[in-house]
Amino acid sequence: MADTLTPQARSERMGRIRSKDTRPELLVRRAVWRAGFRYRLHVKGMPGRPDLVFPRLRTVVFVHGCYWHAHTCQKGRIPGANRQFWHDKFMANQSRDERDRAELRRLGWRVIVVWECALASAARRESTLRGVLDKLREVPPGSSP
């Protein structure tokens, strides 16, 4: 299927897509705040610039959009137009994500990844957020309770 927008219009539209304060990110932030956890947002200088950073817990949370991070769900499909470009871009995004997670772990951080699709329906959202809270409540390895 051909793109109905001009390259300039497509570029402008894609440029409006948020990387911070997305709906899935806000859902996670509200849930952990209500549970009493305090965090920092998008800490510069940390590998991957995690969405939420819990310094006292040595834990970070990434809230990934399925499209941009090429998740295996339906939303993570490669578009039909310009397939090679998008394939290369998504593979580079995935490689960067893995490098960032590995570096954070090497530095002693626990890494939690929440996918956009896991927050889509009410049932999955509740289960996913409960799982995040359970992980935050776990005592990190090497620390005392």
N, C-alpha and C. Protein backbone atom coordinates (compact mmCIF):
# COMPACT_ATOMS: atom_id res chain seq x y z
N MET A 1 0.84 -1.18 0.00
CA MET A 1 0.00 0.00 0.00
C MET A 1 0.88 1.24 0.00
N ALA A 2 0.60 2.16 -0.88
CA ALA A 2 1.38 3.38 -1.00
C ALA A 2 1.02 4.34 0.12
N ASP A 3 2.00 5.12 0.54
CA ASP A 3 1.78 6.12 1.57
C ASP A 3 0.97 7.26 0.96
N THR A 4 -0.06 7.70 1.64
CA THR A 4 -0.92 8.77 1.12
C THR A 4 -0.41 10.15 1.49
N LEU A 5 0.63 10.22 2.30
CA LEU A 5 1.19 11.50 2.72
C LEU A 5 2.47 11.80 1.94
N THR A 6 2.77 13.06 1.81
CA THR A 6 4.05 13.44 1.20
C THR A 6 5.16 13.10 2.19
N PRO A 7 6.39 12.95 1.72
CA PRO A 7 7.49 12.68 2.65
C PRO A 7 7.60 13.74 3.76
N GLN A 8 7.37 15.00 3.42
CA GLN A 8 7.44 16.06 4.42
C GLN A 8 6.32 15.90 5.46
N ALA A 9 5.10 15.62 5.01
CA ALA A 9 3.98 15.44 5.93
C ALA A 9 4.19 14.21 6.80
N ARG A 10 4.71 13.13 6.21
CA ARG A 10 4.98 11.92 6.98
C ARG A 10 6.04 12.19 8.05
N SER A 11 7.09 12.92 7.66
CA SER A 11 8.16 13.25 8.60
C SER A 11 7.63 14.09 9.76
N GLU A 12 6.79 15.05 9.43
CA GLU A 12 6.20 15.90 10.47
C GLU A 12 5.33 15.07 11.43
N ARG A 13 4.53 14.20 10.87
CA ARG A 13 3.65 13.37 11.69
C ARG A 13 4.47 12.45 12.59
N MET A 14 5.50 11.82 12.03
CA MET A 14 6.33 10.91 12.83
C MET A 14 7.09 11.68 13.92
N GLY A 15 7.44 12.93 13.62
CA GLY A 15 8.15 13.75 14.59
C GLY A 15 7.31 14.13 15.79
N ARG A 16 6.00 14.03 15.67
CA ARG A 16 5.10 14.37 16.78
C ARG A 16 4.93 13.21 17.78
N ILE A 17 5.46 12.06 17.44
CA ILE A 17 5.32 10.92 18.34
C ILE A 17 6.20 11.14 19.56
N ARG A 18 5.61 11.00 20.72
CA ARG A 18 6.30 11.27 21.97
C ARG A 18 7.26 10.14 22.34
N SER A 19 8.34 10.52 23.00
CA SER A 19 9.24 9.51 23.55
C SER A 19 9.17 9.52 25.07
N LYS A 20 8.59 10.58 25.63
CA LYS A 20 8.42 10.69 27.08
C LYS A 20 6.96 11.01 27.37
N ASP A 21 6.54 10.66 28.58
CA ASP A 21 5.18 10.96 29.05
C ASP A 21 4.11 10.36 28.15
N THR A 22 4.37 9.17 27.65
CA THR A 22 3.39 8.46 26.84
C THR A 22 2.30 7.89 27.75
N ARG A 23 1.18 7.53 27.18
CA ARG A 23 0.09 6.97 27.98
C ARG A 23 0.54 5.72 28.75
N PRO A 24 1.23 4.75 28.10
CA PRO A 24 1.69 3.59 28.87
C PRO A 24 2.64 3.97 30.01
N GLU A 25 3.54 4.91 29.74
CA GLU A 25 4.46 5.34 30.79
C GLU A 25 3.71 5.97 31.96
N LEU A 26 2.72 6.80 31.67
CA LEU A 26 1.94 7.45 32.73
C LEU A 26 1.16 6.43 33.55
N LEU A 27 0.67 5.37 32.92
CA LEU A 27 -0.02 4.31 33.67
C LEU A 27 0.91 3.65 34.68
N VAL A 28 2.12 3.36 34.25
CA VAL A 28 3.10 2.74 35.15
C VAL A 28 3.48 3.71 36.26
N ARG A 29 3.74 4.95 35.89
CA ARG A 29 4.13 5.95 36.90
C ARG A 29 3.05 6.12 37.97
N ARG A 30 1.80 6.22 37.55
CA ARG A 30 0.71 6.38 38.52
C ARG A 30 0.61 5.19 39.47
N ALA A 31 0.74 3.99 38.92
CA ALA A 31 0.62 2.79 39.74
C ALA A 31 1.73 2.70 40.78
N VAL A 32 2.96 2.94 40.38
CA VAL A 32 4.06 2.82 41.34
C VAL A 32 4.02 3.97 42.36
N TRP A 33 3.58 5.14 41.94
CA TRP A 33 3.47 6.27 42.88
C TRP A 33 2.41 5.97 43.94
N ARG A 34 1.25 5.47 43.48
CA ARG A 34 0.17 5.11 44.42
C ARG A 34 0.61 4.05 45.41
N ALA A 35 1.51 3.16 44.96
CA ALA A 35 2.00 2.08 45.84
C ALA A 35 3.08 2.59 46.79
N GLY A 36 3.45 3.86 46.69
CA GLY A 36 4.39 4.45 47.62
C GLY A 36 5.84 4.47 47.15
N PHE A 37 6.09 4.09 45.93
CA PHE A 37 7.46 4.11 45.41
C PHE A 37 7.75 5.49 44.81
N ARG A 38 8.94 5.99 45.09
CA ARG A 38 9.35 7.27 44.54
C ARG A 38 10.49 7.03 43.56
N TYR A 39 10.50 7.82 42.51
CA TYR A 39 11.43 7.56 41.42
C TYR A 39 11.88 8.87 40.80
N ARG A 40 12.88 8.75 39.95
CA ARG A 40 13.33 9.87 39.12
C ARG A 40 12.98 9.52 37.68
N LEU A 41 12.79 10.55 36.87
CA LEU A 41 12.38 10.34 35.48
C LEU A 41 13.53 10.60 34.52
N HIS A 42 13.69 9.71 33.54
CA HIS A 42 14.57 9.93 32.39
C HIS A 42 15.93 10.50 32.79
N VAL A 43 16.64 9.79 33.64
CA VAL A 43 17.90 10.28 34.18
C VAL A 43 18.96 10.34 33.08
N LYS A 44 19.44 11.53 32.82
CA LYS A 44 20.49 11.72 31.81
C LYS A 44 21.76 11.04 32.31
N GLY A 45 22.51 10.52 31.37
CA GLY A 45 23.78 9.90 31.72
C GLY A 45 23.68 8.42 32.02
N MET A 46 22.47 7.91 32.23
CA MET A 46 22.32 6.47 32.45
C MET A 46 22.14 5.79 31.09
N PRO A 47 22.70 4.60 30.91
CA PRO A 47 22.52 3.90 29.63
C PRO A 47 21.04 3.75 29.29
N GLY A 48 20.67 4.19 28.12
CA GLY A 48 19.29 4.06 27.66
C GLY A 48 18.34 5.09 28.22
N ARG A 49 18.80 5.91 29.14
CA ARG A 49 17.95 6.92 29.78
C ARG A 49 16.61 6.32 30.19
N PRO A 50 16.61 5.45 31.21
CA PRO A 50 15.39 4.74 31.61
C PRO A 50 14.23 5.68 31.92
N ASP A 51 13.02 5.18 31.72
CA ASP A 51 11.83 5.99 31.97
C ASP A 51 11.66 6.28 33.46
N LEU A 52 11.87 5.27 34.30
CA LEU A 52 11.78 5.44 35.75
C LEU A 52 13.03 4.86 36.39
N VAL A 53 13.58 5.60 37.34
CA VAL A 53 14.78 5.15 38.04
C VAL A 53 14.48 5.18 39.54
N PHE A 54 14.72 4.05 40.19
CA PHE A 54 14.52 3.90 41.63
C PHE A 54 15.90 3.75 42.26
N PRO A 55 16.56 4.87 42.58
CA PRO A 55 17.95 4.79 43.04
C PRO A 55 18.15 3.92 44.27
N ARG A 56 17.28 4.03 45.27
CA ARG A 56 17.45 3.24 46.50
C ARG A 56 17.26 1.75 46.25
N LEU A 57 16.50 1.40 45.24
CA LEU A 57 16.27 -0.01 44.91
C LEU A 57 17.24 -0.52 43.85
N ARG A 58 18.06 0.39 43.30
CA ARG A 58 18.98 0.05 42.20
C ARG A 58 18.21 -0.65 41.07
N THR A 59 17.05 -0.07 40.75
CA THR A 59 16.16 -0.65 39.74
C THR A 59 15.74 0.44 38.76
N VAL A 60 15.65 0.05 37.49
CA VAL A 60 15.15 0.95 36.45
C VAL A 60 14.00 0.26 35.72
N VAL A 61 13.12 1.09 35.17
CA VAL A 61 12.00 0.58 34.38
C VAL A 61 12.00 1.28 33.03
N PHE A 62 11.92 0.47 31.99
CA PHE A 62 11.73 0.97 30.64
C PHE A 62 10.30 0.63 30.24
N VAL A 63 9.56 1.61 29.72
CA VAL A 63 8.23 1.36 29.18
C VAL A 63 8.37 1.50 27.67
N HIS A 64 8.40 0.35 26.99
CA HIS A 64 8.68 0.33 25.56
C HIS A 64 7.40 0.32 24.73
N GLY A 65 7.39 1.16 23.70
CA GLY A 65 6.33 1.11 22.70
C GLY A 65 6.60 -0.08 21.79
N CYS A 66 5.59 -0.87 21.53
CA CYS A 66 5.77 -2.09 20.74
C CYS A 66 6.26 -1.81 19.33
N TYR A 67 5.79 -0.73 18.73
CA TYR A 67 6.19 -0.42 17.36
C TYR A 67 7.67 -0.07 17.28
N TRP A 68 8.11 0.91 18.05
CA TRP A 68 9.47 1.42 17.93
C TRP A 68 10.53 0.44 18.43
N HIS A 69 10.14 -0.45 19.32
CA HIS A 69 11.11 -1.40 19.86
C HIS A 69 10.91 -2.80 19.28
N ALA A 70 10.08 -2.89 18.23
CA ALA A 70 9.87 -4.12 17.45
C ALA A 70 9.52 -5.31 18.32
N HIS A 71 8.47 -5.14 19.11
CA HIS A 71 7.99 -6.24 19.94
C HIS A 71 7.41 -7.34 19.05
N THR A 72 7.25 -8.52 19.61
CA THR A 72 6.74 -9.65 18.84
C THR A 72 5.22 -9.65 18.71
N CYS A 73 4.55 -8.67 19.28
CA CYS A 73 3.08 -8.60 19.19
C CYS A 73 2.67 -7.98 17.84
N GLN A 74 1.37 -7.86 17.65
CA GLN A 74 0.82 -7.31 16.40
C GLN A 74 1.29 -5.88 16.14
N LYS A 75 1.42 -5.08 17.21
CA LYS A 75 1.83 -3.68 17.04
C LYS A 75 3.29 -3.54 16.62
N GLY A 76 4.07 -4.60 16.77
CA GLY A 76 5.49 -4.54 16.46
C GLY A 76 5.83 -4.92 15.03
N ARG A 77 4.84 -4.97 14.17
CA ARG A 77 5.08 -5.35 12.76
C ARG A 77 5.90 -4.32 12.01
N ILE A 78 6.62 -4.81 11.03
CA ILE A 78 7.37 -3.93 10.14
C ILE A 78 6.39 -3.43 9.08
N PRO A 79 6.35 -2.11 8.83
CA PRO A 79 5.43 -1.58 7.82
C PRO A 79 5.71 -2.16 6.44
N GLY A 80 4.70 -2.17 5.60
CA GLY A 80 4.83 -2.70 4.25
C GLY A 80 5.66 -1.83 3.34
N ALA A 81 5.57 -0.52 3.51
CA ALA A 81 6.34 0.40 2.67
C ALA A 81 7.73 0.59 3.25
N ASN A 82 8.73 0.59 2.39
CA ASN A 82 10.11 0.84 2.79
C ASN A 82 10.58 -0.17 3.84
N ARG A 83 10.27 -1.43 3.60
CA ARG A 83 10.52 -2.49 4.57
C ARG A 83 11.97 -2.59 5.04
N GLN A 84 12.91 -2.47 4.12
CA GLN A 84 14.31 -2.63 4.50
C GLN A 84 14.75 -1.53 5.47
N PHE A 85 14.33 -0.30 5.21
CA PHE A 85 14.65 0.80 6.11
C PHE A 85 14.13 0.52 7.51
N TRP A 86 12.84 0.13 7.59
CA TRP A 86 12.24 -0.10 8.90
C TRP A 86 12.85 -1.32 9.58
N HIS A 87 13.14 -2.36 8.83
CA HIS A 87 13.78 -3.54 9.41
C HIS A 87 15.12 -3.15 10.03
N ASP A 88 15.93 -2.42 9.28
CA ASP A 88 17.24 -2.00 9.78
C ASP A 88 17.10 -1.10 11.02
N LYS A 89 16.14 -0.18 10.97
CA LYS A 89 15.93 0.73 12.10
C LYS A 89 15.51 -0.04 13.34
N PHE A 90 14.55 -0.94 13.20
CA PHE A 90 14.08 -1.69 14.36
C PHE A 90 15.15 -2.61 14.93
N MET A 91 15.95 -3.22 14.05
CA MET A 91 17.03 -4.08 14.53
C MET A 91 18.09 -3.26 15.28
N ALA A 92 18.36 -2.06 14.79
CA ALA A 92 19.30 -1.18 15.49
C ALA A 92 18.73 -0.77 16.85
N ASN A 93 17.42 -0.48 16.89
CA ASN A 93 16.78 -0.14 18.17
C ASN A 93 16.89 -1.30 19.15
N GLN A 94 16.63 -2.51 18.69
CA GLN A 94 16.71 -3.68 19.56
C GLN A 94 18.14 -3.91 20.05
N SER A 95 19.11 -3.75 19.18
CA SER A 95 20.51 -3.92 19.58
C SER A 95 20.89 -2.88 20.63
N ARG A 96 20.49 -1.64 20.40
CA ARG A 96 20.77 -0.58 21.37
C ARG A 96 20.11 -0.87 22.71
N ASP A 97 18.85 -1.33 22.67
CA ASP A 97 18.15 -1.66 23.91
C ASP A 97 18.89 -2.74 24.68
N GLU A 98 19.33 -3.78 23.99
CA GLU A 98 20.03 -4.88 24.65
C GLU A 98 21.36 -4.40 25.23
N ARG A 99 22.09 -3.59 24.48
CA ARG A 99 23.36 -3.03 25.00
C ARG A 99 23.10 -2.20 26.25
N ASP A 100 22.07 -1.38 26.23
CA ASP A 100 21.76 -0.53 27.39
C ASP A 100 21.39 -1.38 28.60
N ARG A 101 20.56 -2.40 28.40
CA ARG A 101 20.17 -3.27 29.52
C ARG A 101 21.38 -4.01 30.08
N ALA A 102 22.23 -4.51 29.20
CA ALA A 102 23.44 -5.23 29.65
C ALA A 102 24.36 -4.30 30.45
N GLU A 103 24.52 -3.07 29.98
CA GLU A 103 25.38 -2.12 30.68
C GLU A 103 24.80 -1.77 32.05
N LEU A 104 23.50 -1.57 32.12
CA LEU A 104 22.86 -1.29 33.41
C LEU A 104 23.06 -2.45 34.38
N ARG A 105 22.86 -3.67 33.90
CA ARG A 105 23.07 -4.84 34.76
C ARG A 105 24.53 -4.91 35.22
N ARG A 106 25.44 -4.64 34.31
CA ARG A 106 26.86 -4.66 34.65
C ARG A 106 27.16 -3.64 35.75
N LEU A 107 26.45 -2.53 35.75
CA LEU A 107 26.63 -1.49 36.75
C LEU A 107 25.87 -1.78 38.05
N GLY A 108 25.19 -2.92 38.09
CA GLY A 108 24.49 -3.33 39.31
C GLY A 108 23.03 -2.92 39.41
N TRP A 109 22.42 -2.57 38.30
CA TRP A 109 21.01 -2.18 38.30
C TRP A 109 20.13 -3.36 37.88
N ARG A 110 18.96 -3.47 38.51
CA ARG A 110 17.94 -4.41 38.03
C ARG A 110 17.17 -3.68 36.94
N VAL A 111 16.79 -4.41 35.90
CA VAL A 111 16.10 -3.81 34.77
C VAL A 111 14.73 -4.48 34.59
N ILE A 112 13.70 -3.66 34.53
CA ILE A 112 12.34 -4.13 34.27
C ILE A 112 11.89 -3.49 32.97
N VAL A 113 11.36 -4.31 32.06
CA VAL A 113 10.84 -3.80 30.79
C VAL A 113 9.34 -4.06 30.76
N VAL A 114 8.58 -3.01 30.51
CA VAL A 114 7.13 -3.12 30.38
C VAL A 114 6.78 -2.77 28.93
N TRP A 115 6.03 -3.66 28.28
CA TRP A 115 5.64 -3.44 26.89
C TRP A 115 4.28 -2.76 26.83
N GLU A 116 4.13 -1.88 25.88
CA GLU A 116 2.89 -1.15 25.64
C GLU A 116 1.68 -2.09 25.55
N CYS A 117 1.83 -3.21 24.82
CA CYS A 117 0.70 -4.12 24.63
C CYS A 117 0.26 -4.78 25.94
N ALA A 118 1.17 -4.86 26.92
CA ALA A 118 0.83 -5.47 28.20
C ALA A 118 -0.03 -4.54 29.05
N LEU A 119 -0.22 -3.31 28.59
CA LEU A 119 -1.04 -2.34 29.31
C LEU A 119 -2.32 -1.99 28.56
N ALA A 120 -2.55 -2.65 27.42
CA ALA A 120 -3.66 -2.27 26.54
C ALA A 120 -5.03 -2.61 27.12
N SER A 121 -5.24 -3.84 27.54
CA SER A 121 -6.55 -4.21 28.08
C SER A 121 -6.50 -4.13 29.60
N ALA A 122 -7.67 -3.93 30.21
CA ALA A 122 -7.74 -3.76 31.67
C ALA A 122 -7.18 -4.98 32.41
N ALA A 123 -7.49 -6.18 31.94
CA ALA A 123 -7.02 -7.39 32.62
C ALA A 123 -5.51 -7.51 32.53
N ARG A 124 -4.97 -7.32 31.35
CA ARG A 124 -3.50 -7.41 31.19
C ARG A 124 -2.81 -6.28 31.94
N ARG A 125 -3.39 -5.10 31.92
CA ARG A 125 -2.81 -3.95 32.62
C ARG A 125 -2.66 -4.24 34.11
N GLU A 126 -3.74 -4.74 34.71
CA GLU A 126 -3.72 -5.03 36.14
C GLU A 126 -2.65 -6.07 36.48
N SER A 127 -2.59 -7.11 35.69
CA SER A 127 -1.60 -8.16 35.91
C SER A 127 -0.17 -7.63 35.72
N THR A 128 0.04 -6.85 34.69
CA THR A 128 1.37 -6.31 34.41
C THR A 128 1.82 -5.37 35.52
N LEU A 129 0.94 -4.47 35.93
CA LEU A 129 1.30 -3.51 36.98
C LEU A 129 1.54 -4.22 38.31
N ARG A 130 0.77 -5.24 38.60
CA ARG A 130 1.00 -6.03 39.82
C ARG A 130 2.38 -6.68 39.76
N GLY A 131 2.75 -7.19 38.58
CA GLY A 131 4.06 -7.80 38.41
C GLY A 131 5.19 -6.81 38.62
N VAL A 132 5.03 -5.58 38.10
CA VAL A 132 6.04 -4.54 38.30
C VAL A 132 6.17 -4.23 39.78
N LEU A 133 5.04 -4.06 40.46
CA LEU A 133 5.08 -3.74 41.89
C LEU A 133 5.72 -4.88 42.69
N ASP A 134 5.41 -6.12 42.33
CA ASP A 134 6.03 -7.26 43.01
C ASP A 134 7.54 -7.24 42.85
N LYS A 135 8.01 -6.93 41.65
CA LYS A 135 9.46 -6.87 41.41
C LYS A 135 10.09 -5.73 42.20
N LEU A 136 9.40 -4.61 42.29
CA LEU A 136 9.94 -3.49 43.07
C LEU A 136 10.00 -3.81 44.55
N ARG A 137 9.09 -4.64 45.02
CA ARG A 137 9.07 -5.01 46.44
C ARG A 137 10.13 -6.04 46.80
N GLU A 138 10.65 -6.76 45.79
CA GLU A 138 11.69 -7.74 46.05
C GLU A 138 12.94 -7.02 46.55
N VAL A 139 13.65 -7.69 47.46
CA VAL A 139 14.90 -7.11 47.93
C VAL A 139 15.96 -7.33 46.86
N PRO A 140 16.59 -6.26 46.39
CA PRO A 140 17.61 -6.42 45.36
C PRO A 140 18.77 -7.27 45.86
N PRO A 141 19.37 -8.08 45.02
CA PRO A 141 20.52 -8.89 45.42
C PRO A 141 21.63 -7.99 45.95
N GLY A 142 22.25 -8.43 47.02
CA GLY A 142 23.38 -7.69 47.57
C GLY A 142 23.00 -6.56 48.50
N SER A 143 21.70 -6.40 48.79
CA SER A 143 21.31 -5.36 49.74
C SER A 143 20.58 -5.99 50.91
N SER A 144 20.49 -5.27 51.99
CA SER A 144 19.80 -5.81 53.15
C SER A 144 18.37 -5.31 53.18
N PRO A 145 17.45 -6.09 53.76
CA PRO A 145 16.05 -5.69 53.77
C PRO A 145 15.79 -4.48 54.65
